[in-house]
Amino acid sequence: SVRIQANKGLFDILFSNVFSNAIRHGERGGEVITTLTPDGFTIANTGQYPLEGDKLFKRFISSSINNPSSGLGLAIAKEICRIHGWQIRYWYQNDFHFFAVKF
């Protein structure tokens, strides 16, 4: 059991944005893996190439040419983390994109 002290609506937006991003931009037939611990959660999806980490959390910048988007989802996620005093980060390892939120 994990207890999170947060605004319920904002947490829902945060998790939904990161999770839907993994589905929308993941490889067709690929995997999406979610992990929840008392310290945070991680969402990983398969991918062939690392993303430009310095641009991922900026507004109006889409990380994918194949699946263009408004580029707001991860910027909103980062702001929700800032409001709660949490951290969000991205890395690429072993053909997986990882997005981790640390409470």
PDB file of N, CA and C in Angstrom:
ATOM      1  N   SER A   1       0.843  -1.186   0.000  1.00  0.00           N
ATOM      2  CA  SER A   1       0.000   0.000   0.000  1.00  0.00           C
ATOM      3  C   SER A   1       0.884   1.243   0.000  1.00  0.00           C
ATOM      4  N   VAL A   2       0.594   2.171  -0.918  1.00  0.00           N
ATOM      5  CA  VAL A   2       1.348   3.419  -1.021  1.00  0.00           C
ATOM      6  C   VAL A   2       0.396   4.571  -0.769  1.00  0.00           C
ATOM      7  N   ARG A   3       0.783   5.470   0.115  1.00  0.00           N
ATOM      8  CA  ARG A   3      -0.012   6.656   0.401  1.00  0.00           C
ATOM      9  C   ARG A   3       0.703   7.869  -0.174  1.00  0.00           C
ATOM     10  N   ILE A   4      -0.049   8.670  -0.904  1.00  0.00           N
ATOM     11  CA  ILE A   4       0.508   9.861  -1.540  1.00  0.00           C
ATOM     12  C   ILE A   4      -0.299  11.057  -1.060  1.00  0.00           C
ATOM     13  N   GLN A   5       0.392  12.059  -0.555  1.00  0.00           N
ATOM     14  CA  GLN A   5      -0.289  13.277  -0.144  1.00  0.00           C
ATOM     15  C   GLN A   5      -0.171  14.270  -1.294  1.00  0.00           C
ATOM     16  N   ALA A   6      -1.309  14.494  -1.967  1.00  0.00           N
ATOM     17  CA  ALA A   6      -1.307  15.348  -3.153  1.00  0.00           C
ATOM     18  C   ALA A   6      -2.717  15.801  -3.473  1.00  0.00           C
ATOM     19  N   ASN A   7      -2.816  16.794  -4.313  1.00  0.00           N
ATOM     20  CA  ASN A   7      -4.097  17.193  -4.865  1.00  0.00           C
ATOM     21  C   ASN A   7      -4.537  16.073  -5.803  1.00  0.00           C
ATOM     22  N   LYS A   8      -5.697  15.480  -5.535  1.00  0.00           N
ATOM     23  CA  LYS A   8      -6.154  14.316  -6.297  1.00  0.00           C
ATOM     24  C   LYS A   8      -6.288  14.620  -7.791  1.00  0.00           C
ATOM     25  N   GLY A   9      -6.891  15.749  -8.124  1.00  0.00           N
ATOM     26  CA  GLY A   9      -7.078  16.113  -9.529  1.00  0.00           C
ATOM     27  C   GLY A   9      -5.757  16.310 -10.251  1.00  0.00           C
ATOM     28  N   LEU A  10      -4.812  16.989  -9.590  1.00  0.00           N
ATOM     29  CA  LEU A  10      -3.505  17.219 -10.214  1.00  0.00           C
ATOM     30  C   LEU A  10      -2.723  15.921 -10.363  1.00  0.00           C
ATOM     31  N   PHE A  11      -2.827  15.037  -9.354  1.00  0.00           N
ATOM     32  CA  PHE A  11      -2.131  13.754  -9.471  1.00  0.00           C
ATOM     33  C   PHE A  11      -2.701  12.948 -10.633  1.00  0.00           C
ATOM     34  N   ASP A  12      -4.004  12.982 -10.797  1.00  0.00           N
ATOM     35  CA  ASP A  12      -4.644  12.276 -11.910  1.00  0.00           C
ATOM     36  C   ASP A  12      -4.130  12.812 -13.246  1.00  0.00           C
ATOM     37  N   ILE A  13      -4.027  14.123 -13.363  1.00  0.00           N
ATOM     38  CA  ILE A  13      -3.512  14.731 -14.599  1.00  0.00           C
ATOM     39  C   ILE A  13      -2.061  14.319 -14.823  1.00  0.00           C
ATOM     40  N   LEU A  14      -1.254  14.369 -13.772  1.00  0.00           N
ATOM     41  CA  LEU A  14       0.161  13.996 -13.863  1.00  0.00           C
ATOM     42  C   LEU A  14       0.313  12.573 -14.367  1.00  0.00           C
ATOM     43  N   PHE A  15      -0.329  11.630 -13.684  1.00  0.00           N
ATOM     44  CA  PHE A  15      -0.181  10.225 -14.063  1.00  0.00           C
ATOM     45  C   PHE A  15      -0.737   9.977 -15.467  1.00  0.00           C
ATOM     46  N   SER A  16      -1.897  10.549 -15.756  1.00  0.00           N
ATOM     47  CA  SER A  16      -2.518  10.364 -17.075  1.00  0.00           C
ATOM     48  C   SER A  16      -1.640  10.899 -18.197  1.00  0.00           C
ATOM     49  N   ASN A  17      -1.050  12.069 -17.984  1.00  0.00           N
ATOM     50  CA  ASN A  17      -0.198  12.657 -19.022  1.00  0.00           C
ATOM     51  C   ASN A  17       1.024  11.785 -19.303  1.00  0.00           C
ATOM     52  N   VAL A  18       1.684  11.326 -18.258  1.00  0.00           N
ATOM     53  CA  VAL A  18       2.896  10.515 -18.458  1.00  0.00           C
ATOM     54  C   VAL A  18       2.536   9.152 -19.053  1.00  0.00           C
ATOM     55  N   PHE A  19       1.467   8.543 -18.546  1.00  0.00           N
ATOM     56  CA  PHE A  19       1.065   7.230 -19.039  1.00  0.00           C
ATOM     57  C   PHE A  19       0.583   7.292 -20.491  1.00  0.00           C
ATOM     58  N   SER A  20      -0.277   8.248 -20.809  1.00  0.00           N
ATOM     59  CA  SER A  20      -0.775   8.349 -22.191  1.00  0.00           C
ATOM     60  C   SER A  20       0.346   8.715 -23.151  1.00  0.00           C
ATOM     61  N   ASN A  21       1.323   9.478 -22.682  1.00  0.00           N
ATOM     62  CA  ASN A  21       2.487   9.805 -23.502  1.00  0.00           C
ATOM     63  C   ASN A  21       3.259   8.531 -23.860  1.00  0.00           C
ATOM     64  N   ALA A  22       3.408   7.632 -22.894  1.00  0.00           N
ATOM     65  CA  ALA A  22       4.120   6.366 -23.142  1.00  0.00           C
ATOM     66  C   ALA A  22       3.376   5.517 -24.160  1.00  0.00           C
ATOM     67  N   ILE A  23       2.061   5.516 -24.096  1.00  0.00           N
ATOM     68  CA  ILE A  23       1.267   4.747 -25.057  1.00  0.00           C
ATOM     69  C   ILE A  23       1.302   5.395 -26.436  1.00  0.00           C
ATOM     70  N   ARG A  24       1.057   6.695 -26.483  1.00  0.00           N
ATOM     71  CA  ARG A  24       0.970   7.422 -27.754  1.00  0.00           C
ATOM     72  C   ARG A  24       2.288   7.388 -28.534  1.00  0.00           C
ATOM     73  N   HIS A  25       3.395   7.519 -27.819  1.00  0.00           N
ATOM     74  CA  HIS A  25       4.695   7.612 -28.491  1.00  0.00           C
ATOM     75  C   HIS A  25       5.493   6.320 -28.448  1.00  0.00           C
ATOM     76  N   GLY A  26       4.921   5.270 -27.877  1.00  0.00           N
ATOM     77  CA  GLY A  26       5.616   3.978 -27.826  1.00  0.00           C
ATOM     78  C   GLY A  26       5.579   3.274 -29.168  1.00  0.00           C
ATOM     79  N   GLU A  27       6.422   2.279 -29.287  1.00  0.00           N
ATOM     80  CA  GLU A  27       6.466   1.495 -30.517  1.00  0.00           C
ATOM     81  C   GLU A  27       5.217   0.642 -30.653  1.00  0.00           C
ATOM     82  N   ARG A  28       4.780   0.477 -31.860  1.00  0.00           N
ATOM     83  CA  ARG A  28       3.636  -0.397 -32.126  1.00  0.00           C
ATOM     84  C   ARG A  28       4.001  -1.820 -31.702  1.00  0.00           C
ATOM     85  N   GLY A  29       3.155  -2.435 -30.899  1.00  0.00           N
ATOM     86  CA  GLY A  29       3.433  -3.775 -30.394  1.00  0.00           C
ATOM     87  C   GLY A  29       4.454  -3.798 -29.273  1.00  0.00           C
ATOM     88  N   GLY A  30       4.849  -2.623 -28.788  1.00  0.00           N
ATOM     89  CA  GLY A  30       5.856  -2.537 -27.734  1.00  0.00           C
ATOM     90  C   GLY A  30       5.265  -2.723 -26.348  1.00  0.00           C
ATOM     91  N   GLU A  31       6.062  -2.439 -25.363  1.00  0.00           N
ATOM     92  CA  GLU A  31       5.669  -2.623 -23.969  1.00  0.00           C
ATOM     93  C   GLU A  31       5.562  -1.284 -23.263  1.00  0.00           C
ATOM     94  N   VAL A  32       4.668  -1.214 -22.276  1.00  0.00           N
ATOM     95  CA  VAL A  32       4.596  -0.119 -21.323  1.00  0.00           C
ATOM     96  C   VAL A  32       4.610  -0.763 -19.943  1.00  0.00           C
ATOM     97  N   ILE A  33       5.545  -0.334 -19.110  1.00  0.00           N
ATOM     98  CA  ILE A  33       5.707  -0.912 -17.780  1.00  0.00           C
ATOM     99  C   ILE A  33       5.558   0.205 -16.741  1.00  0.00           C
ATOM    100  N   THR A  34       4.698  -0.016 -15.754  1.00  0.00           N
ATOM    101  CA  THR A  34       4.532   0.947 -14.675  1.00  0.00           C
ATOM    102  C   THR A  34       5.006   0.327 -13.370  1.00  0.00           C
ATOM    103  N   THR A  35       5.644   1.146 -12.558  1.00  0.00           N
ATOM    104  CA  THR A  35       6.137   0.710 -11.266  1.00  0.00           C
ATOM    105  C   THR A  35       5.783   1.773 -10.235  1.00  0.00           C
ATOM    106  N   LEU A  36       5.215   1.354  -9.105  1.00  0.00           N
ATOM    107  CA  LEU A  36       4.872   2.264  -8.021  1.00  0.00           C
ATOM    108  C   LEU A  36       5.585   1.818  -6.763  1.00  0.00           C
ATOM    109  N   THR A  37       6.271   2.750  -6.119  1.00  0.00           N
ATOM    110  CA  THR A  37       6.932   2.495  -4.842  1.00  0.00           C
ATOM    111  C   THR A  37       6.528   3.611  -3.877  1.00  0.00           C
ATOM    112  N   PRO A  38       6.846   3.485  -2.607  1.00  0.00           N
ATOM    113  CA  PRO A  38       6.535   4.575  -1.677  1.00  0.00           C
ATOM    114  C   PRO A  38       7.247   5.883  -2.036  1.00  0.00           C
ATOM    115  N   ASP A  39       8.320   5.809  -2.821  1.00  0.00           N
ATOM    116  CA  ASP A  39       9.093   7.002  -3.194  1.00  0.00           C
ATOM    117  C   ASP A  39       8.653   7.649  -4.494  1.00  0.00           C
ATOM    118  N   GLY A  40       7.820   6.961  -5.298  1.00  0.00           N
ATOM    119  CA  GLY A  40       7.406   7.535  -6.574  1.00  0.00           C
ATOM    120  C   GLY A  40       6.917   6.485  -7.538  1.00  0.00           C
ATOM    121  N   PHE A  41       6.802   6.886  -8.795  1.00  0.00           N
ATOM    122  CA  PHE A  41       6.407   5.925  -9.820  1.00  0.00           C
ATOM    123  C   PHE A  41       7.260   6.124 -11.064  1.00  0.00           C
ATOM    124  N   THR A  42       7.381   5.041 -11.834  1.00  0.00           N
ATOM    125  CA  THR A  42       8.122   5.056 -13.089  1.00  0.00           C
ATOM    126  C   THR A  42       7.244   4.444 -14.164  1.00  0.00           C
ATOM    127  N   ILE A  43       7.250   5.073 -15.321  1.00  0.00           N
ATOM    128  CA  ILE A  43       6.560   4.539 -16.486  1.00  0.00           C
ATOM    129  C   ILE A  43       7.596   4.415 -17.589  1.00  0.00           C
ATOM    130  N   ALA A  44       7.711   3.212 -18.151  1.00  0.00           N
ATOM    131  CA  ALA A  44       8.699   2.947 -19.194  1.00  0.00           C
ATOM    132  C   ALA A  44       7.997   2.400 -20.424  1.00  0.00           C
ATOM    133  N   ASN A  45       8.500   2.782 -21.590  1.00  0.00           N
ATOM    134  CA  ASN A  45       7.979   2.231 -22.843  1.00  0.00           C
ATOM    135  C   ASN A  45       9.132   1.982 -23.801  1.00  0.00           C
ATOM    136  N   THR A  46       8.924   0.999 -24.677  1.00  0.00           N
ATOM    137  CA  THR A  46       9.964   0.648 -25.632  1.00  0.00           C
ATOM    138  C   THR A  46      10.141   1.751 -26.665  1.00  0.00           C
ATOM    139  N   GLY A  47      11.367   1.864 -27.139  1.00  0.00           N
ATOM    140  CA  GLY A  47      11.692   2.847 -28.158  1.00  0.00           C
ATOM    141  C   GLY A  47      13.053   2.565 -28.745  1.00  0.00           C
ATOM    142  N   GLN A  48      13.239   2.973 -29.994  1.00  0.00           N
ATOM    143  CA  GLN A  48      14.490   2.660 -30.686  1.00  0.00           C
ATOM    144  C   GLN A  48      15.599   3.659 -30.408  1.00  0.00           C
ATOM    145  N   TYR A  49      15.232   4.913 -30.138  1.00  0.00           N
ATOM    146  CA  TYR A  49      16.243   5.961 -29.991  1.00  0.00           C
ATOM    147  C   TYR A  49      15.929   6.831 -28.781  1.00  0.00           C
ATOM    148  N   PRO A  50      16.955   7.355 -28.116  1.00  0.00           N
ATOM    149  CA  PRO A  50      16.701   8.273 -27.003  1.00  0.00           C
ATOM    150  C   PRO A  50      16.069   9.574 -27.509  1.00  0.00           C
ATOM    151  N   LEU A  51      15.324  10.217 -26.636  1.00  0.00           N
ATOM    152  CA  LEU A  51      14.707  11.497 -26.955  1.00  0.00           C
ATOM    153  C   LEU A  51      15.620  12.630 -26.510  1.00  0.00           C
ATOM    154  N   GLU A  52      15.346  13.828 -26.983  1.00  0.00           N
ATOM    155  CA  GLU A  52      16.124  14.993 -26.579  1.00  0.00           C
ATOM    156  C   GLU A  52      15.627  15.446 -25.208  1.00  0.00           C
ATOM    157  N   GLY A  53      16.305  14.977 -24.170  1.00  0.00           N
ATOM    158  CA  GLY A  53      15.877  15.213 -22.806  1.00  0.00           C
ATOM    159  C   GLY A  53      15.733  16.662 -22.417  1.00  0.00           C
ATOM    160  N   ASP A  54      16.566  17.540 -22.989  1.00  0.00           N
ATOM    161  CA  ASP A  54      16.496  18.953 -22.629  1.00  0.00           C
ATOM    162  C   ASP A  54      15.246  19.637 -23.176  1.00  0.00           C
ATOM    163  N   LYS A  55      14.585  19.032 -24.166  1.00  0.00           N
ATOM    164  CA  LYS A  55      13.390  19.626 -24.760  1.00  0.00           C
ATOM    165  C   LYS A  55      12.087  18.990 -24.288  1.00  0.00           C
ATOM    166  N   LEU A  56      12.161  17.821 -23.698  1.00  0.00           N
ATOM    167  CA  LEU A  56      10.961  17.045 -23.371  1.00  0.00           C
ATOM    168  C   LEU A  56       9.941  17.775 -22.512  1.00  0.00           C
ATOM    169  N   PHE A  57      10.394  18.542 -21.549  1.00  0.00           N
ATOM    170  CA  PHE A  57       9.488  19.150 -20.580  1.00  0.00           C
ATOM    171  C   PHE A  57       9.176  20.608 -20.898  1.00  0.00           C
ATOM    172  N   LYS A  58       9.525  21.036 -22.107  1.00  0.00           N
ATOM    173  CA  LYS A  58       9.228  22.412 -22.520  1.00  0.00           C
ATOM    174  C   LYS A  58       7.897  22.470 -23.257  1.00  0.00           C
ATOM    175  N   ARG A  59       7.179  23.559 -23.072  1.00  0.00           N
ATOM    176  CA  ARG A  59       5.871  23.724 -23.706  1.00  0.00           C
ATOM    177  C   ARG A  59       5.994  23.819 -25.216  1.00  0.00           C
ATOM    178  N   PHE A  60       5.015  23.252 -25.899  1.00  0.00           N
ATOM    179  CA  PHE A  60       4.827  23.343 -27.341  1.00  0.00           C
ATOM    180  C   PHE A  60       5.926  22.682 -28.163  1.00  0.00           C
ATOM    181  N   ILE A  61       6.691  21.798 -27.540  1.00  0.00           N
ATOM    182  CA  ILE A  61       7.716  21.052 -28.275  1.00  0.00           C
ATOM    183  C   ILE A  61       7.330  19.582 -28.250  1.00  0.00           C
ATOM    184  N   SER A  62       7.044  19.028 -29.428  1.00  0.00           N
ATOM    185  CA  SER A  62       6.677  17.621 -29.534  1.00  0.00           C
ATOM    186  C   SER A  62       7.949  16.797 -29.688  1.00  0.00           C
ATOM    187  N   SER A  63       8.001  15.667 -28.997  1.00  0.00           N
ATOM    188  CA  SER A  63       9.196  14.825 -29.032  1.00  0.00           C
ATOM    189  C   SER A  63       9.167  13.809 -30.162  1.00  0.00           C
ATOM    190  N   SER A  64       8.094  13.789 -30.930  1.00  0.00           N
ATOM    191  CA  SER A  64       7.959  12.770 -31.960  1.00  0.00           C
ATOM    192  C   SER A  64       7.487  13.371 -33.272  1.00  0.00           C
ATOM    193  N   ILE A  65       8.160  13.002 -34.337  1.00  0.00           N
ATOM    194  CA  ILE A  65       7.730  13.431 -35.670  1.00  0.00           C
ATOM    195  C   ILE A  65       6.578  12.552 -36.140  1.00  0.00           C
ATOM    196  N   ASN A  66       6.619  11.268 -35.790  1.00  0.00           N
ATOM    197  CA  ASN A  66       5.599  10.312 -36.231  1.00  0.00           C
ATOM    198  C   ASN A  66       4.260  10.507 -35.537  1.00  0.00           C
ATOM    199  N   ASN A  67       4.282  10.954 -34.287  1.00  0.00           N
ATOM    200  CA  ASN A  67       3.061  11.162 -33.513  1.00  0.00           C
ATOM    201  C   ASN A  67       3.068  12.579 -32.941  1.00  0.00           C
ATOM    202  N   PRO A  68       2.863  13.590 -33.768  1.00  0.00           N
ATOM    203  CA  PRO A  68       2.935  14.958 -33.260  1.00  0.00           C
ATOM    204  C   PRO A  68       1.844  15.228 -32.231  1.00  0.00           C
ATOM    205  N   SER A  69       2.157  16.116 -31.292  1.00  0.00           N
ATOM    206  CA  SER A  69       1.204  16.491 -30.255  1.00  0.00           C
ATOM    207  C   SER A  69       1.403  17.964 -29.942  1.00  0.00           C
ATOM    208  N   SER A  70       0.623  18.471 -29.014  1.00  0.00           N
ATOM    209  CA  SER A  70       0.721  19.886 -28.646  1.00  0.00           C
ATOM    210  C   SER A  70       2.000  20.185 -27.878  1.00  0.00           C
ATOM    211  N   GLY A  71       2.607  19.168 -27.290  1.00  0.00           N
ATOM    212  CA  GLY A  71       3.811  19.384 -26.512  1.00  0.00           C
ATOM    213  C   GLY A  71       3.527  19.991 -25.152  1.00  0.00           C
ATOM    214  N   LEU A  72       2.320  19.798 -24.636  1.00  0.00           N
ATOM    215  CA  LEU A  72       1.969  20.353 -23.325  1.00  0.00           C
ATOM    216  C   LEU A  72       1.960  19.319 -22.209  1.00  0.00           C
ATOM    217  N   GLY A  73       1.726  18.059 -22.511  1.00  0.00           N
ATOM    218  CA  GLY A  73       1.541  17.038 -21.484  1.00  0.00           C
ATOM    219  C   GLY A  73       2.682  16.933 -20.494  1.00  0.00           C
ATOM    220  N   LEU A  74       3.917  16.834 -20.975  1.00  0.00           N
ATOM    221  CA  LEU A  74       5.051  16.694 -20.065  1.00  0.00           C
ATOM    222  C   LEU A  74       5.399  18.008 -19.385  1.00  0.00           C
ATOM    223  N   ALA A  75       5.117  19.142 -20.045  1.00  0.00           N
ATOM    224  CA  ALA A  75       5.327  20.441 -19.406  1.00  0.00           C
ATOM    225  C   ALA A  75       4.364  20.598 -18.228  1.00  0.00           C
ATOM    226  N   ILE A  76       3.121  20.176 -18.413  1.00  0.00           N
ATOM    227  CA  ILE A  76       2.135  20.211 -17.329  1.00  0.00           C
ATOM    228  C   ILE A  76       2.562  19.256 -16.217  1.00  0.00           C
ATOM    229  N   ALA A  77       3.029  18.061 -16.573  1.00  0.00           N
ATOM    230  CA  ALA A  77       3.488  17.088 -15.578  1.00  0.00           C
ATOM    231  C   ALA A  77       4.621  17.676 -14.735  1.00  0.00           C
ATOM    232  N   LYS A  78       5.549  18.349 -15.385  1.00  0.00           N
ATOM    233  CA  LYS A  78       6.669  18.950 -14.661  1.00  0.00           C
ATOM    234  C   LYS A  78       6.184  20.030 -13.706  1.00  0.00           C
ATOM    235  N   GLU A  79       5.220  20.837 -14.132  1.00  0.00           N
ATOM    236  CA  GLU A  79       4.694  21.893 -13.275  1.00  0.00           C
ATOM    237  C   GLU A  79       3.943  21.315 -12.077  1.00  0.00           C
ATOM    238  N   ILE A  80       3.194  20.251 -12.279  1.00  0.00           N
ATOM    239  CA  ILE A  80       2.497  19.595 -11.166  1.00  0.00           C
ATOM    240  C   ILE A  80       3.518  19.060 -10.163  1.00  0.00           C
ATOM    241  N   CYS A  81       4.593  18.488 -10.669  1.00  0.00           N
ATOM    242  CA  CYS A  81       5.657  18.012  -9.774  1.00  0.00           C
ATOM    243  C   CYS A  81       6.268  19.176  -8.996  1.00  0.00           C
ATOM    244  N   ARG A  82       6.516  20.281  -9.666  1.00  0.00           N
ATOM    245  CA  ARG A  82       7.095  21.456  -8.998  1.00  0.00           C
ATOM    246  C   ARG A  82       6.183  21.942  -7.880  1.00  0.00           C
ATOM    247  N   ILE A  83       4.885  22.012  -8.144  1.00  0.00           N
ATOM    248  CA  ILE A  83       3.920  22.477  -7.148  1.00  0.00           C
ATOM    249  C   ILE A  83       3.950  21.594  -5.894  1.00  0.00           C
ATOM    250  N   HIS A  84       4.125  20.293  -6.081  1.00  0.00           N
ATOM    251  CA  HIS A  84       4.127  19.353  -4.954  1.00  0.00           C
ATOM    252  C   HIS A  84       5.513  19.145  -4.334  1.00  0.00           C
ATOM    253  N   GLY A  85       6.529  19.750  -4.917  1.00  0.00           N
ATOM    254  CA  GLY A  85       7.884  19.553  -4.407  1.00  0.00           C
ATOM    255  C   GLY A  85       8.493  18.230  -4.832  1.00  0.00           C
ATOM    256  N   TRP A  86       7.990  17.668  -5.935  1.00  0.00           N
ATOM    257  CA  TRP A  86       8.485  16.407  -6.471  1.00  0.00           C
ATOM    258  C   TRP A  86       9.430  16.665  -7.636  1.00  0.00           C
ATOM    259  N   GLN A  87      10.046  15.603  -8.127  1.00  0.00           N
ATOM    260  CA  GLN A  87      10.935  15.688  -9.291  1.00  0.00           C
ATOM    261  C   GLN A  87      10.451  14.726 -10.364  1.00  0.00           C
ATOM    262  N   ILE A  88      10.601  15.135 -11.620  1.00  0.00           N
ATOM    263  CA  ILE A  88      10.334  14.239 -12.738  1.00  0.00           C
ATOM    264  C   ILE A  88      11.584  14.227 -13.614  1.00  0.00           C
ATOM    265  N   ARG A  89      11.941  13.059 -14.092  1.00  0.00           N
ATOM    266  CA  ARG A  89      13.120  12.977 -14.962  1.00  0.00           C
ATOM    267  C   ARG A  89      12.916  11.909 -16.019  1.00  0.00           C
ATOM    268  N   TYR A  90      13.757  12.005 -17.045  1.00  0.00           N
ATOM    269  CA  TYR A  90      13.715  11.085 -18.180  1.00  0.00           C
ATOM    270  C   TYR A  90      15.099  10.499 -18.393  1.00  0.00           C
ATOM    271  N   TRP A  91      15.146   9.230 -18.790  1.00  0.00           N
ATOM    272  CA  TRP A  91      16.385   8.629 -19.292  1.00  0.00           C
ATOM    273  C   TRP A  91      16.023   7.498 -20.238  1.00  0.00           C
ATOM    274  N   TYR A  92      17.018   7.083 -21.018  1.00  0.00           N
ATOM    275  CA  TYR A  92      16.850   6.015 -22.009  1.00  0.00           C
ATOM    276  C   TYR A  92      17.876   4.935 -21.697  1.00  0.00           C
ATOM    277  N   GLN A  93      17.388   3.685 -21.614  1.00  0.00           N
ATOM    278  CA  GLN A  93      18.286   2.582 -21.269  1.00  0.00           C
ATOM    279  C   GLN A  93      17.731   1.276 -21.824  1.00  0.00           C
ATOM    280  N   ASN A  94      18.586   0.496 -22.481  1.00  0.00           N
ATOM    281  CA  ASN A  94      18.220  -0.839 -22.989  1.00  0.00           C
ATOM    282  C   ASN A  94      16.930  -0.826 -23.809  1.00  0.00           C
ATOM    283  N   ASP A  95      16.835   0.122 -24.747  1.00  0.00           N
ATOM    284  CA  ASP A  95      15.689   0.255 -25.650  1.00  0.00           C
ATOM    285  C   ASP A  95      14.383   0.619 -24.943  1.00  0.00           C
ATOM    286  N   PHE A  96      14.470   1.271 -23.787  1.00  0.00           N
ATOM    287  CA  PHE A  96      13.301   1.752 -23.063  1.00  0.00           C
ATOM    288  C   PHE A  96      13.467   3.228 -22.711  1.00  0.00           C
ATOM    289  N   HIS A  97      12.368   3.971 -22.850  1.00  0.00           N
ATOM    290  CA  HIS A  97      12.279   5.334 -22.341  1.00  0.00           C
ATOM    291  C   HIS A  97      11.714   5.231 -20.928  1.00  0.00           C
ATOM    292  N   PHE A  98      12.328   5.911 -19.976  1.00  0.00           N
ATOM    293  CA  PHE A  98      11.870   5.896 -18.588  1.00  0.00           C
ATOM    294  C   PHE A  98      11.491   7.311 -18.170  1.00  0.00           C
ATOM    295  N   PHE A  99      10.322   7.447 -17.574  1.00  0.00           N
ATOM    296  CA  PHE A  99       9.894   8.692 -16.953  1.00  0.00           C
ATOM    297  C   PHE A  99       9.609   8.367 -15.498  1.00  0.00           C
ATOM    298  N   ALA A 100      10.329   9.018 -14.589  1.00  0.00           N
ATOM    299  CA  ALA A 100      10.200   8.725 -13.171  1.00  0.00           C
ATOM    300  C   ALA A 100       9.791   9.972 -12.418  1.00  0.00           C
ATOM    301  N   VAL A 101       8.821   9.816 -11.538  1.00  0.00           N
ATOM    302  CA  VAL A 101       8.398  10.883 -10.642  1.00  0.00           C
ATOM    303  C   VAL A 101       8.802  10.449  -9.234  1.00  0.00           C
ATOM    304  N   LYS A 102       9.583  11.293  -8.566  1.00  0.00           N
ATOM    305  CA  LYS A 102      10.015  11.014  -7.215  1.00  0.00           C
ATOM    306  C   LYS A 102       9.255  11.940  -6.270  1.00  0.00           C
ATOM    307  N   PHE A 103       8.559  11.333  -5.312  1.00  0.00           N
ATOM    308  CA  PHE A 103       7.757  12.108  -4.359  1.00  0.00           C
ATOM    309  C   PHE A 103       8.656  12.765  -3.321  1.00  0.00           C
TER     310      PHE A 103
END
